[in-house]
Amino acid sequence: MIEAYDWYKGREFGLAAEFLRYIDACLNLIQRHPSTYQIVHETYRRATVRRFPYVVFYEFNEQEIIIYAVFHCSQDPEK
């Protein structure tokens, strides 16, 4: 996320802050409705970040939500 923030910061004024707002909004949606997003592998779920080419991979149970990655969609999916 730091690399993405720095990249967006160099592109357009305010874009980096907007990126963080959209990431935060996605994380808030996961927190409120963790079962909404589809399972993509075993118990891992994927939530798409609006407006930006990123997804959040996570798992959850009754006690916690574990965020594993905020991932750029054009990166190698084998990562």
N, C-alpha and C. Protein backbone atom coordinates (compact mmCIF):
# COMPACT_ATOMS: atom_id res chain seq x y z
N MET A 1 0.83 -1.19 0.00
CA MET A 1 0.00 0.00 0.00
C MET A 1 0.87 1.25 0.00
N ILE A 2 2.02 1.18 0.65
CA ILE A 2 2.92 2.34 0.68
C ILE A 2 3.40 2.67 -0.72
N GLU A 3 3.78 1.63 -1.47
CA GLU A 3 4.23 1.85 -2.85
C GLU A 3 3.11 2.44 -3.70
N ALA A 4 1.92 1.91 -3.54
CA ALA A 4 0.77 2.41 -4.30
C ALA A 4 0.48 3.86 -3.93
N TYR A 5 0.50 4.15 -2.64
CA TYR A 5 0.26 5.51 -2.18
C TYR A 5 1.28 6.47 -2.81
N ASP A 6 2.55 6.10 -2.77
CA ASP A 6 3.59 6.94 -3.36
C ASP A 6 3.40 7.11 -4.86
N TRP A 7 3.00 6.03 -5.53
CA TRP A 7 2.78 6.11 -6.98
C TRP A 7 1.63 7.06 -7.30
N TYR A 8 0.51 6.93 -6.59
CA TYR A 8 -0.64 7.80 -6.83
C TYR A 8 -0.34 9.24 -6.43
N LYS A 9 0.47 9.41 -5.43
CA LYS A 9 0.85 10.76 -5.00
C LYS A 9 1.57 11.51 -6.11
N GLY A 10 2.37 10.80 -6.88
CA GLY A 10 3.10 11.41 -7.98
C GLY A 10 2.28 11.62 -9.24
N ARG A 11 1.08 11.10 -9.29
CA ARG A 11 0.25 11.20 -10.49
C ARG A 11 -0.66 12.43 -10.51
N GLU A 12 -1.33 12.67 -9.41
CA GLU A 12 -2.33 13.74 -9.40
C GLU A 12 -2.57 14.18 -7.96
N PHE A 13 -2.71 15.45 -7.76
CA PHE A 13 -2.94 15.98 -6.41
C PHE A 13 -4.21 15.36 -5.82
N GLY A 14 -4.09 14.83 -4.63
CA GLY A 14 -5.23 14.27 -3.92
C GLY A 14 -5.55 12.82 -4.24
N LEU A 15 -4.94 12.27 -5.28
CA LEU A 15 -5.25 10.89 -5.68
C LEU A 15 -4.78 9.88 -4.64
N ALA A 16 -3.64 10.10 -4.03
CA ALA A 16 -3.13 9.18 -3.02
C ALA A 16 -4.07 9.14 -1.80
N ALA A 17 -4.55 10.29 -1.38
CA ALA A 17 -5.49 10.34 -0.25
C ALA A 17 -6.80 9.65 -0.62
N GLU A 18 -7.22 9.82 -1.86
CA GLU A 18 -8.45 9.16 -2.31
C GLU A 18 -8.26 7.64 -2.34
N PHE A 19 -7.10 7.19 -2.76
CA PHE A 19 -6.78 5.77 -2.74
C PHE A 19 -6.94 5.21 -1.32
N LEU A 20 -6.38 5.89 -0.33
CA LEU A 20 -6.50 5.43 1.05
C LEU A 20 -7.95 5.44 1.54
N ARG A 21 -8.72 6.43 1.12
CA ARG A 21 -10.13 6.47 1.50
C ARG A 21 -10.90 5.26 0.95
N TYR A 22 -10.60 4.90 -0.31
CA TYR A 22 -11.28 3.75 -0.91
C TYR A 22 -10.85 2.44 -0.27
N ILE A 23 -9.58 2.32 0.09
CA ILE A 23 -9.11 1.14 0.81
C ILE A 23 -9.83 1.06 2.16
N ASP A 24 -9.89 2.18 2.86
CA ASP A 24 -10.56 2.23 4.16
C ASP A 24 -12.04 1.86 4.02
N ALA A 25 -12.69 2.36 2.99
CA ALA A 25 -14.11 2.03 2.77
C ALA A 25 -14.29 0.54 2.52
N CYS A 26 -13.39 -0.05 1.75
CA CYS A 26 -13.45 -1.48 1.49
C CYS A 26 -13.27 -2.28 2.79
N LEU A 27 -12.30 -1.88 3.59
CA LEU A 27 -12.06 -2.57 4.87
C LEU A 27 -13.26 -2.43 5.80
N ASN A 28 -13.89 -1.28 5.80
CA ASN A 28 -15.09 -1.08 6.63
C ASN A 28 -16.23 -1.98 6.17
N LEU A 29 -16.39 -2.14 4.85
CA LEU A 29 -17.42 -3.04 4.34
C LEU A 29 -17.14 -4.49 4.73
N ILE A 30 -15.87 -4.88 4.65
CA ILE A 30 -15.50 -6.22 5.08
C ILE A 30 -15.84 -6.40 6.56
N GLN A 31 -15.52 -5.40 7.35
CA GLN A 31 -15.78 -5.49 8.79
C GLN A 31 -17.28 -5.62 9.09
N ARG A 32 -18.09 -4.85 8.37
CA ARG A 32 -19.53 -4.88 8.63
C ARG A 32 -20.21 -6.14 8.08
N HIS A 33 -19.74 -6.60 6.91
CA HIS A 33 -20.40 -7.73 6.22
C HIS A 33 -19.34 -8.69 5.65
N PRO A 34 -18.60 -9.37 6.50
CA PRO A 34 -17.50 -10.19 6.00
C PRO A 34 -17.92 -11.35 5.10
N SER A 35 -19.13 -11.86 5.26
CA SER A 35 -19.55 -13.00 4.44
C SER A 35 -20.09 -12.59 3.07
N THR A 36 -20.17 -11.29 2.80
CA THR A 36 -20.70 -10.81 1.53
C THR A 36 -19.83 -11.20 0.34
N TYR A 37 -18.55 -11.20 0.52
CA TYR A 37 -17.64 -11.41 -0.60
C TYR A 37 -17.39 -12.89 -0.83
N GLN A 38 -17.20 -13.23 -2.10
CA GLN A 38 -17.08 -14.64 -2.46
C GLN A 38 -15.77 -15.27 -2.02
N ILE A 39 -15.84 -16.55 -1.76
CA ILE A 39 -14.65 -17.34 -1.46
C ILE A 39 -13.97 -17.63 -2.79
N VAL A 40 -12.66 -17.36 -2.85
CA VAL A 40 -11.93 -17.56 -4.10
C VAL A 40 -10.96 -18.73 -4.03
N HIS A 41 -10.60 -19.13 -2.82
CA HIS A 41 -9.71 -20.28 -2.64
C HIS A 41 -9.81 -20.76 -1.20
N GLU A 42 -10.17 -22.02 -1.03
CA GLU A 42 -10.36 -22.61 0.29
C GLU A 42 -11.26 -21.71 1.15
N THR A 43 -10.70 -20.98 2.13
CA THR A 43 -11.51 -20.09 2.97
C THR A 43 -11.17 -18.62 2.74
N TYR A 44 -10.37 -18.33 1.73
CA TYR A 44 -9.95 -16.95 1.44
C TYR A 44 -11.02 -16.25 0.60
N ARG A 45 -11.30 -15.04 0.99
CA ARG A 45 -12.27 -14.22 0.26
C ARG A 45 -11.57 -13.03 -0.39
N ARG A 46 -12.24 -12.46 -1.39
CA ARG A 46 -11.66 -11.34 -2.12
C ARG A 46 -12.69 -10.23 -2.23
N ALA A 47 -12.31 -9.04 -1.77
CA ALA A 47 -13.15 -7.85 -1.89
C ALA A 47 -12.47 -6.88 -2.85
N THR A 48 -13.23 -6.35 -3.77
CA THR A 48 -12.69 -5.42 -4.76
C THR A 48 -12.77 -3.99 -4.23
N VAL A 49 -11.69 -3.25 -4.41
CA VAL A 49 -11.63 -1.84 -4.02
C VAL A 49 -12.22 -1.03 -5.17
N ARG A 50 -13.21 -0.23 -4.88
CA ARG A 50 -13.83 0.59 -5.93
C ARG A 50 -12.86 1.62 -6.47
N ARG A 51 -12.96 1.89 -7.76
CA ARG A 51 -12.23 2.93 -8.49
C ARG A 51 -10.75 2.62 -8.72
N PHE A 52 -10.16 1.75 -7.96
CA PHE A 52 -8.74 1.44 -8.07
C PHE A 52 -8.57 -0.06 -8.36
N PRO A 53 -7.51 -0.43 -9.09
CA PRO A 53 -7.34 -1.84 -9.49
C PRO A 53 -6.72 -2.69 -8.37
N TYR A 54 -7.37 -2.71 -7.23
CA TYR A 54 -6.87 -3.46 -6.07
C TYR A 54 -7.97 -4.32 -5.49
N VAL A 55 -7.55 -5.42 -4.88
CA VAL A 55 -8.45 -6.29 -4.15
C VAL A 55 -7.85 -6.55 -2.78
N VAL A 56 -8.71 -6.92 -1.84
CA VAL A 56 -8.29 -7.27 -0.48
C VAL A 56 -8.60 -8.75 -0.28
N PHE A 57 -7.59 -9.51 0.09
CA PHE A 57 -7.77 -10.93 0.41
C PHE A 57 -7.83 -11.09 1.93
N TYR A 58 -8.81 -11.85 2.39
CA TYR A 58 -9.00 -12.00 3.83
C TYR A 58 -9.71 -13.31 4.17
N GLU A 59 -9.68 -13.64 5.44
CA GLU A 59 -10.45 -14.73 6.02
C GLU A 59 -11.15 -14.18 7.26
N PHE A 60 -12.20 -14.85 7.68
CA PHE A 60 -12.83 -14.44 8.93
C PHE A 60 -13.45 -15.64 9.62
N ASN A 61 -13.60 -15.48 10.92
CA ASN A 61 -14.36 -16.42 11.72
C ASN A 61 -15.17 -15.60 12.71
N GLU A 62 -15.74 -16.22 13.70
CA GLU A 62 -16.61 -15.48 14.63
C GLU A 62 -15.86 -14.46 15.48
N GLN A 63 -14.56 -14.65 15.68
CA GLN A 63 -13.80 -13.76 16.54
C GLN A 63 -12.99 -12.69 15.81
N GLU A 64 -12.58 -12.97 14.57
CA GLU A 64 -11.67 -12.03 13.92
C GLU A 64 -11.75 -12.08 12.40
N ILE A 65 -11.25 -11.00 11.82
CA ILE A 65 -11.05 -10.90 10.37
C ILE A 65 -9.55 -10.75 10.17
N ILE A 66 -9.00 -11.58 9.29
CA ILE A 66 -7.57 -11.52 9.01
C ILE A 66 -7.38 -11.05 7.58
N ILE A 67 -6.73 -9.89 7.44
CA ILE A 67 -6.41 -9.35 6.12
C ILE A 67 -5.03 -9.89 5.73
N TYR A 68 -4.96 -10.55 4.58
CA TYR A 68 -3.69 -11.12 4.13
C TYR A 68 -2.97 -10.23 3.13
N ALA A 69 -3.73 -9.53 2.28
CA ALA A 69 -3.07 -8.74 1.25
C ALA A 69 -4.02 -7.70 0.69
N VAL A 70 -3.44 -6.57 0.34
CA VAL A 70 -4.09 -5.59 -0.52
C VAL A 70 -3.28 -5.70 -1.81
N PHE A 71 -3.90 -6.23 -2.84
CA PHE A 71 -3.18 -6.73 -4.00
C PHE A 71 -3.59 -5.98 -5.27
N HIS A 72 -2.60 -5.55 -6.05
CA HIS A 72 -2.85 -4.91 -7.33
C HIS A 72 -3.29 -5.99 -8.33
N CYS A 73 -4.37 -5.76 -9.01
CA CYS A 73 -4.98 -6.78 -9.87
C CYS A 73 -4.14 -7.15 -11.08
N SER A 74 -3.23 -6.31 -11.50
CA SER A 74 -2.44 -6.66 -12.67
C SER A 74 -1.16 -7.41 -12.30
N GLN A 75 -0.95 -7.68 -11.00
CA GLN A 75 0.20 -8.46 -10.58
C GLN A 75 -0.06 -9.94 -10.84
N ASP A 76 0.98 -10.72 -10.79
CA ASP A 76 0.90 -12.14 -11.02
C ASP A 76 -0.01 -12.80 -9.99
N PRO A 77 -1.14 -13.42 -10.42
CA PRO A 77 -2.07 -14.01 -9.45
C PRO A 77 -1.47 -15.20 -8.69
N GLU A 78 -0.38 -15.75 -9.17
CA GLU A 78 0.27 -16.85 -8.46
C GLU A 78 0.92 -16.39 -7.17
N LYS A 79 1.12 -15.08 -7.01
CA LYS A 79 1.69 -14.55 -5.76
C LYS A 79 0.78 -14.90 -4.61
